[in-house]
């Protein structure tokens, strides 16, 4: 019997806008919404060694999928060699972790 793995699908959607210095996330989202500049991605995230992930939440998983962002590319974009870290410690905030794509 092989070692246990973890695999899940994730879908996110929202709006994208060019960065502006000093702009909040909410302002950037609203600019993208007003411009109808949508973005969405669908992924499959796979960690080949669940025991390792439980020992070290920063061990990377693989991520594959697609991105639809018409303002960036008229074609579907493929995610082919991505990595995902479930619990990346925040460098400044104690007891805070990020998901890193």
Protein backbone atom coordinates (compact mmCIF):
# COMPACT_ATOMS: atom_id res chain seq x y z
CA UNK A 1 0.00 0.00 0.00
CA UNK A 2 1.36 3.42 -0.93
CA UNK A 3 1.75 6.44 1.28
CA UNK A 4 -1.31 8.69 1.77
CA UNK A 5 -1.68 11.75 -0.44
CA UNK A 6 -3.84 14.87 -0.45
CA UNK A 7 -5.53 16.23 -3.56
CA UNK A 8 -8.20 18.89 -3.90
CA UNK A 9 -9.67 21.24 -6.47
CA UNK A 10 -9.88 24.99 -6.04
CA UNK A 11 -11.71 27.64 -8.05
CA UNK A 12 -11.37 31.37 -7.46
CA UNK A 13 -12.81 34.28 -9.36
CA UNK A 14 -12.76 38.03 -9.05
CA UNK A 15 -11.36 41.08 -10.75
CA UNK A 16 -7.88 42.25 -11.61
CA UNK A 17 -6.46 45.75 -12.02
CA UNK A 18 -2.96 47.15 -12.44
CA UNK A 19 -1.16 47.88 -9.18
CA UNK A 20 -1.12 51.43 -7.87
CA UNK A 21 1.15 52.47 -5.04
CA UNK A 22 -0.73 53.04 -1.79
CA UNK A 23 -3.95 51.41 -3.03
CA UNK A 24 -5.84 48.99 -0.80
CA UNK A 25 -7.03 45.58 -1.91
CA UNK A 26 -10.62 46.83 -1.79
CA UNK A 27 -9.84 49.81 -4.06
CA UNK A 28 -8.02 47.58 -6.57
CA UNK A 29 -10.92 45.11 -6.57
CA UNK A 30 -13.42 47.92 -7.17
CA UNK A 31 -11.34 49.32 -10.06
CA UNK A 32 -11.24 45.90 -11.67
CA UNK A 33 -14.97 45.38 -11.14
CA UNK A 34 -15.84 48.75 -12.71
CA UNK A 35 -13.61 47.91 -15.69
CA UNK A 36 -15.21 44.44 -15.93
CA UNK A 37 -11.68 43.00 -15.84
CA UNK A 38 -12.48 39.50 -14.63
CA UNK A 39 -10.08 36.75 -13.64
CA UNK A 40 -10.69 33.17 -12.60
CA UNK A 41 -8.65 30.07 -12.10
CA UNK A 42 -9.40 26.42 -11.61
CA UNK A 43 -6.69 24.20 -10.18
CA UNK A 44 -5.91 20.75 -8.88
CA UNK A 45 -3.50 20.81 -5.95
CA UNK A 46 -1.69 17.57 -5.08
CA UNK A 47 0.60 16.77 -2.17
CA UNK A 48 2.24 13.39 -2.78
CA UNK A 49 3.14 12.77 0.88
CA UNK A 50 0.47 13.57 3.47
CA UNK A 51 2.68 12.48 6.38
CA UNK A 52 5.36 14.97 5.30
CA UNK A 53 2.76 17.74 5.00
CA UNK A 54 1.53 17.03 8.53
CA UNK A 55 5.13 17.16 9.82
CA UNK A 56 6.05 20.26 7.80
CA UNK A 57 3.12 22.45 6.62
CA UNK A 58 5.57 24.44 4.45
CA UNK A 59 6.37 21.42 2.25
CA UNK A 60 5.21 22.32 -1.27
CA UNK A 61 2.45 20.67 -3.26
CA UNK A 62 2.11 20.75 -7.03
CA UNK A 63 -0.55 22.86 -8.70
CA UNK A 64 -1.92 22.50 -12.22
CA UNK A 65 -4.85 24.18 -13.88
CA UNK A 66 -6.05 27.07 -15.98
CA UNK A 67 -6.43 30.84 -15.70
CA UNK A 68 -8.97 32.93 -17.61
CA UNK A 69 -8.03 36.63 -17.61
CA UNK A 70 -9.21 38.34 -20.83
CA UNK A 71 -7.47 41.60 -19.91
CA UNK A 72 -4.15 39.72 -19.71
CA UNK A 73 -4.58 37.20 -22.54
CA UNK A 74 -7.41 36.37 -24.92
CA UNK A 75 -6.39 32.70 -24.64
CA UNK A 76 -6.72 30.39 -21.66
CA UNK A 77 -3.45 30.28 -19.67
CA UNK A 78 -2.20 26.94 -18.37
CA UNK A 79 -0.58 26.37 -14.99
CA UNK A 80 1.85 23.53 -15.64
CA UNK A 81 4.62 23.56 -13.02
CA UNK A 82 3.18 25.53 -10.13
CA UNK A 83 3.76 25.07 -6.43
CA UNK A 84 1.43 25.63 -3.49
CA UNK A 85 2.34 25.92 0.19
CA UNK A 86 -0.60 25.41 2.54
CA UNK A 87 0.76 27.14 5.64
CA UNK A 88 3.65 29.53 4.87
CA UNK A 89 4.51 31.40 8.11
CA UNK A 90 4.02 35.15 7.83
CA UNK A 91 7.44 36.82 8.12
CA UNK A 92 6.22 39.55 10.50
CA UNK A 93 2.90 38.54 12.10
CA UNK A 94 3.23 35.98 14.89
CA UNK A 95 0.86 32.99 14.68
CA UNK A 96 -0.17 33.95 11.14
CA UNK A 97 0.22 31.81 8.05
CA UNK A 98 -0.41 32.46 4.36
CA UNK A 99 -1.36 30.14 1.55
CA UNK A 100 1.32 30.70 -1.08
CA UNK A 101 0.67 30.01 -4.76
